[in-house]
């Protein structure tokens, strides 16, 4: 994975990308597919945005 918004466009493991972007939902990321980068979704890394309930999952 790499981030187009982070300084230097660092390459990241999926778990590191998830941790680094947990609170940056509008950053765009790309996934390496063995020969090229393809636009990716933070949701495919398991990142979810919970609105209301102070950021927690609905009861």
PDB file of N, CA and C in Angstrom:
ATOM      1  N   UNK A   1       0.835  -1.172   0.000  1.00  0.00           N
ATOM      2  CA  UNK A   1       0.000   0.000   0.000  1.00  0.00           C
ATOM      3  C   UNK A   1       0.879   1.234   0.000  1.00  0.00           C
ATOM      4  N   UNK A   2       0.363   2.317  -0.576  1.00  0.00           N
ATOM      5  CA  UNK A   2       1.017   3.615  -0.445  1.00  0.00           C
ATOM      6  C   UNK A   2      -0.061   4.690  -0.423  1.00  0.00           C
ATOM      7  N   UNK A   3       0.284   5.806   0.187  1.00  0.00           N
ATOM      8  CA  UNK A   3      -0.665   6.903   0.343  1.00  0.00           C
ATOM      9  C   UNK A   3      -0.248   8.064  -0.540  1.00  0.00           C
ATOM     10  N   UNK A   4      -1.192   8.574  -1.303  1.00  0.00           N
ATOM     11  CA  UNK A   4      -0.928   9.715  -2.170  1.00  0.00           C
ATOM     12  C   UNK A   4      -0.926  11.039  -1.433  1.00  0.00           C
ATOM     13  N   UNK A   5      -1.407  11.057  -0.204  1.00  0.00           N
ATOM     14  CA  UNK A   5      -1.469  12.289   0.568  1.00  0.00           C
ATOM     15  C   UNK A   5      -0.323  12.433   1.560  1.00  0.00           C
ATOM     16  N   UNK A   6       0.248  11.340   1.999  1.00  0.00           N
ATOM     17  CA  UNK A   6       1.334  11.392   2.979  1.00  0.00           C
ATOM     18  C   UNK A   6       2.624  11.860   2.314  1.00  0.00           C
ATOM     19  N   UNK A   7       3.387  12.648   3.035  1.00  0.00           N
ATOM     20  CA  UNK A   7       4.640  13.188   2.531  1.00  0.00           C
ATOM     21  C   UNK A   7       5.578  12.065   2.104  1.00  0.00           C
ATOM     22  N   UNK A   8       6.046  12.092   0.885  1.00  0.00           N
ATOM     23  CA  UNK A   8       6.962  11.092   0.366  1.00  0.00           C
ATOM     24  C   UNK A   8       6.284   9.853  -0.191  1.00  0.00           C
ATOM     25  N   UNK A   9       4.955   9.783  -0.111  1.00  0.00           N
ATOM     26  CA  UNK A   9       4.181   8.638  -0.599  1.00  0.00           C
ATOM     27  C   UNK A   9       4.799   7.317  -0.135  1.00  0.00           C
ATOM     28  N   UNK A  10       4.869   7.108   1.187  1.00  0.00           N
ATOM     29  CA  UNK A  10       5.538   5.919   1.721  1.00  0.00           C
ATOM     30  C   UNK A  10       4.831   4.618   1.360  1.00  0.00           C
ATOM     31  N   UNK A  11       5.617   3.552   1.245  1.00  0.00           N
ATOM     32  CA  UNK A  11       5.070   2.211   1.053  1.00  0.00           C
ATOM     33  C   UNK A  11       4.795   1.626   2.431  1.00  0.00           C
ATOM     34  N   UNK A  12       3.631   1.002   2.595  1.00  0.00           N
ATOM     35  CA  UNK A  12       3.215   0.505   3.903  1.00  0.00           C
ATOM     36  C   UNK A  12       2.636  -0.894   3.805  1.00  0.00           C
ATOM     37  N   UNK A  13       2.862  -1.694   4.851  1.00  0.00           N
ATOM     38  CA  UNK A  13       2.131  -2.954   4.987  1.00  0.00           C
ATOM     39  C   UNK A  13       0.675  -2.601   5.259  1.00  0.00           C
ATOM     40  N   UNK A  14      -0.240  -3.512   4.961  1.00  0.00           N
ATOM     41  CA  UNK A  14      -1.668  -3.253   5.157  1.00  0.00           C
ATOM     42  C   UNK A  14      -1.971  -2.844   6.596  1.00  0.00           C
ATOM     43  N   UNK A  15      -1.407  -3.557   7.574  1.00  0.00           N
ATOM     44  CA  UNK A  15      -1.691  -3.237   8.982  1.00  0.00           C
ATOM     45  C   UNK A  15      -1.163  -1.856   9.366  1.00  0.00           C
ATOM     46  N   UNK A  16      -0.017  -1.475   8.836  1.00  0.00           N
ATOM     47  CA  UNK A  16       0.543  -0.148   9.124  1.00  0.00           C
ATOM     48  C   UNK A  16      -0.285   0.941   8.453  1.00  0.00           C
ATOM     49  N   UNK A  17      -0.743   0.682   7.245  1.00  0.00           N
ATOM     50  CA  UNK A  17      -1.585   1.634   6.528  1.00  0.00           C
ATOM     51  C   UNK A  17      -2.892   1.843   7.284  1.00  0.00           C
ATOM     52  N   UNK A  18      -3.453   0.763   7.792  1.00  0.00           N
ATOM     53  CA  UNK A  18      -4.696   0.840   8.558  1.00  0.00           C
ATOM     54  C   UNK A  18      -4.505   1.690   9.814  1.00  0.00           C
ATOM     55  N   UNK A  19      -3.444   1.443  10.555  1.00  0.00           N
ATOM     56  CA  UNK A  19      -3.170   2.193  11.778  1.00  0.00           C
ATOM     57  C   UNK A  19      -2.919   3.669  11.483  1.00  0.00           C
ATOM     58  N   UNK A  20      -2.131   3.948  10.455  1.00  0.00           N
ATOM     59  CA  UNK A  20      -1.768   5.324  10.125  1.00  0.00           C
ATOM     60  C   UNK A  20      -2.941   6.139   9.596  1.00  0.00           C
ATOM     61  N   UNK A  21      -3.937   5.483   9.002  1.00  0.00           N
ATOM     62  CA  UNK A  21      -5.029   6.203   8.351  1.00  0.00           C
ATOM     63  C   UNK A  21      -6.383   6.018   9.025  1.00  0.00           C
ATOM     64  N   UNK A  22      -6.388   5.447  10.201  1.00  0.00           N
ATOM     65  CA  UNK A  22      -7.640   5.202  10.926  1.00  0.00           C
ATOM     66  C   UNK A  22      -8.457   6.480  11.102  1.00  0.00           C
ATOM     67  N   UNK A  23      -7.789   7.605  11.328  1.00  0.00           N
ATOM     68  CA  UNK A  23      -8.487   8.871  11.551  1.00  0.00           C
ATOM     69  C   UNK A  23      -8.313   9.829  10.369  1.00  0.00           C
ATOM     70  N   UNK A  24      -7.949   9.300   9.213  1.00  0.00           N
ATOM     71  CA  UNK A  24      -7.763  10.108   8.000  1.00  0.00           C
ATOM     72  C   UNK A  24      -8.579   9.499   6.859  1.00  0.00           C
ATOM     73  N   UNK A  25      -9.901   9.466   6.992  1.00  0.00           N
ATOM     74  CA  UNK A  25     -10.727   8.733   6.033  1.00  0.00           C
ATOM     75  C   UNK A  25     -10.765   9.309   4.625  1.00  0.00           C
ATOM     76  N   UNK A  26     -10.324  10.548   4.446  1.00  0.00           N
ATOM     77  CA  UNK A  26     -10.395  11.145   3.123  1.00  0.00           C
ATOM     78  C   UNK A  26      -9.071  11.093   2.369  1.00  0.00           C
ATOM     79  N   UNK A  27      -8.070  10.447   2.943  1.00  0.00           N
ATOM     80  CA  UNK A  27      -6.815  10.237   2.227  1.00  0.00           C
ATOM     81  C   UNK A  27      -7.041   9.137   1.195  1.00  0.00           C
ATOM     82  N   UNK A  28      -6.327   9.223   0.083  1.00  0.00           N
ATOM     83  CA  UNK A  28      -6.475   8.175  -0.927  1.00  0.00           C
ATOM     84  C   UNK A  28      -5.232   7.305  -0.940  1.00  0.00           C
ATOM     85  N   UNK A  29      -5.482   6.017  -1.037  1.00  0.00           N
ATOM     86  CA  UNK A  29      -4.403   5.033  -1.000  1.00  0.00           C
ATOM     87  C   UNK A  29      -4.413   4.203  -2.279  1.00  0.00           C
ATOM     88  N   UNK A  30      -3.283   3.562  -2.522  1.00  0.00           N
ATOM     89  CA  UNK A  30      -3.150   2.673  -3.673  1.00  0.00           C
ATOM     90  C   UNK A  30      -2.609   1.333  -3.191  1.00  0.00           C
ATOM     91  N   UNK A  31      -3.034   0.283  -3.839  1.00  0.00           N
ATOM     92  CA  UNK A  31      -2.607  -1.073  -3.479  1.00  0.00           C
ATOM     93  C   UNK A  31      -1.699  -1.619  -4.574  1.00  0.00           C
ATOM     94  N   UNK A  32      -0.586  -2.223  -4.178  1.00  0.00           N
ATOM     95  CA  UNK A  32       0.356  -2.837  -5.116  1.00  0.00           C
ATOM     96  C   UNK A  32      -0.190  -4.187  -5.548  1.00  0.00           C
ATOM     97  N   UNK A  33      -0.255  -4.401  -6.851  1.00  0.00           N
ATOM     98  CA  UNK A  33      -0.797  -5.652  -7.378  1.00  0.00           C
ATOM     99  C   UNK A  33       0.236  -6.432  -8.175  1.00  0.00           C
ATOM    100  N   UNK A  34       1.460  -6.474  -7.690  1.00  0.00           N
ATOM    101  CA  UNK A  34       2.497  -7.303  -8.285  1.00  0.00           C
ATOM    102  C   UNK A  34       3.136  -6.754  -9.542  1.00  0.00           C
ATOM    103  N   UNK A  35       2.828  -5.559  -9.930  1.00  0.00           N
ATOM    104  CA  UNK A  35       3.452  -4.961 -11.101  1.00  0.00           C
ATOM    105  C   UNK A  35       3.048  -3.506 -11.278  1.00  0.00           C
ATOM    106  N   UNK A  36       2.025  -3.111 -10.546  1.00  0.00           N
ATOM    107  CA  UNK A  36       1.534  -1.741 -10.649  1.00  0.00           C
ATOM    108  C   UNK A  36       0.677  -1.408  -9.427  1.00  0.00           C
ATOM    109  N   UNK A  37       0.479  -0.114  -9.204  1.00  0.00           N
ATOM    110  CA  UNK A  37      -0.415   0.334  -8.136  1.00  0.00           C
ATOM    111  C   UNK A  37      -1.801   0.561  -8.715  1.00  0.00           C
ATOM    112  N   UNK A  38      -2.799   0.163  -7.949  1.00  0.00           N
ATOM    113  CA  UNK A  38      -4.192   0.362  -8.336  1.00  0.00           C
ATOM    114  C   UNK A  38      -4.867   1.151  -7.217  1.00  0.00           C
ATOM    115  N   UNK A  39      -5.767   2.089  -7.558  1.00  0.00           N
ATOM    116  CA  UNK A  39      -6.473   2.801  -6.494  1.00  0.00           C
ATOM    117  C   UNK A  39      -7.126   1.821  -5.525  1.00  0.00           C
ATOM    118  N   UNK A  40      -6.995   2.091  -4.248  1.00  0.00           N
ATOM    119  CA  UNK A  40      -7.562   1.218  -3.226  1.00  0.00           C
ATOM    120  C   UNK A  40      -8.521   1.978  -2.333  1.00  0.00           C
ATOM    121  N   UNK A  41      -9.178   1.252  -1.462  1.00  0.00           N
ATOM    122  CA  UNK A  41     -10.138   1.827  -0.530  1.00  0.00           C
ATOM    123  C   UNK A  41      -9.684   1.529   0.888  1.00  0.00           C
ATOM    124  N   UNK A  42      -9.759   2.531   1.739  1.00  0.00           N
ATOM    125  CA  UNK A  42      -9.438   2.300   3.146  1.00  0.00           C
ATOM    126  C   UNK A  42     -10.402   1.296   3.757  1.00  0.00           C
ATOM    127  N   UNK A  43     -11.613   1.219   3.234  1.00  0.00           N
ATOM    128  CA  UNK A  43     -12.580   0.242   3.758  1.00  0.00           C
ATOM    129  C   UNK A  43     -12.106  -1.188   3.525  1.00  0.00           C
ATOM    130  N   UNK A  44     -11.316  -1.422   2.481  1.00  0.00           N
ATOM    131  CA  UNK A  44     -10.811  -2.777   2.248  1.00  0.00           C
ATOM    132  C   UNK A  44      -9.753  -3.162   3.278  1.00  0.00           C
ATOM    133  N   UNK A  45      -9.249  -2.178   4.020  1.00  0.00           N
ATOM    134  CA  UNK A  45      -8.313  -2.435   5.118  1.00  0.00           C
ATOM    135  C   UNK A  45      -9.049  -2.599   6.441  1.00  0.00           C
ATOM    136  N   UNK A  46     -10.378  -2.490   6.402  1.00  0.00           N
ATOM    137  CA  UNK A  46     -11.170  -2.651   7.612  1.00  0.00           C
ATOM    138  C   UNK A  46     -11.478  -1.352   8.338  1.00  0.00           C
ATOM    139  N   UNK A  47     -11.157  -0.223   7.712  1.00  0.00           N
ATOM    140  CA  UNK A  47     -11.430   1.063   8.346  1.00  0.00           C
ATOM    141  C   UNK A  47     -12.901   1.415   8.152  1.00  0.00           C
ATOM    142  N   UNK A  48     -13.558   1.754   9.257  1.00  0.00           N
ATOM    143  CA  UNK A  48     -14.967   2.138   9.234  1.00  0.00           C
ATOM    144  C   UNK A  48     -15.122   3.476   9.937  1.00  0.00           C
ATOM    145  N   UNK A  49     -16.091   4.262   9.495  1.00  0.00           N
ATOM    146  CA  UNK A  49     -16.404   5.532  10.136  1.00  0.00           C
ATOM    147  C   UNK A  49     -17.760   5.379  10.803  1.00  0.00           C
ATOM    148  N   UNK A  50     -17.813   5.587  12.102  1.00  0.00           N
ATOM    149  CA  UNK A  50     -19.067   5.501  12.847  1.00  0.00           C
ATOM    150  C   UNK A  50     -19.502   6.918  13.209  1.00  0.00           C
ATOM    151  N   UNK A  51     -20.636   7.330  12.677  1.00  0.00           N
ATOM    152  CA  UNK A  51     -21.165   8.661  12.947  1.00  0.00           C
ATOM    153  C   UNK A  51     -22.148   8.583  14.109  1.00  0.00           C
ATOM    154  N   UNK A  52     -22.086   9.548  14.976  1.00  0.00           N
ATOM    155  CA  UNK A  52     -22.955   9.540  16.145  1.00  0.00           C
ATOM    156  C   UNK A  52     -22.411   8.619  17.219  1.00  0.00           C
ATOM    157  N   UNK A  53     -23.047   8.600  18.364  1.00  0.00           N
ATOM    158  CA  UNK A  53     -22.661   7.733  19.482  1.00  0.00           C
ATOM    159  C   UNK A  53     -21.192   7.910  19.852  1.00  0.00           C
ATOM    160  N   UNK A  54     -20.684   9.128  19.712  1.00  0.00           N
ATOM    161  CA  UNK A  54     -19.296   9.460  20.071  1.00  0.00           C
ATOM    162  C   UNK A  54     -18.278   8.606  19.322  1.00  0.00           C
ATOM    163  N   UNK A  55     -18.580   8.251  18.071  1.00  0.00           N
ATOM    164  CA  UNK A  55     -17.659   7.464  17.260  1.00  0.00           C
ATOM    165  C   UNK A  55     -17.726   5.975  17.491  1.00  0.00           C
ATOM    166  N   UNK A  56     -18.602   5.541  18.381  1.00  0.00           N
ATOM    167  CA  UNK A  56     -18.737   4.106  18.674  1.00  0.00           C
ATOM    168  C   UNK A  56     -19.803   3.481  17.770  1.00  0.00           C
ATOM    169  N   UNK A  57     -19.798   2.174  17.678  1.00  0.00           N
ATOM    170  CA  UNK A  57     -20.798   1.445  16.908  1.00  0.00           C
ATOM    171  C   UNK A  57     -22.162   1.662  17.552  1.00  0.00           C
ATOM    172  N   UNK A  58     -23.209   1.751  16.730  1.00  0.00           N
ATOM    173  CA  UNK A  58     -24.569   1.944  17.250  1.00  0.00           C
ATOM    174  C   UNK A  58     -24.928   0.818  18.215  1.00  0.00           C
ATOM    175  N   UNK A  59     -25.592   1.177  19.327  1.00  0.00           N
ATOM    176  CA  UNK A  59     -25.954   0.146  20.318  1.00  0.00           C
ATOM    177  C   UNK A  59     -27.043  -0.781  19.794  1.00  0.00           C
TER     178      UNK A  59
END
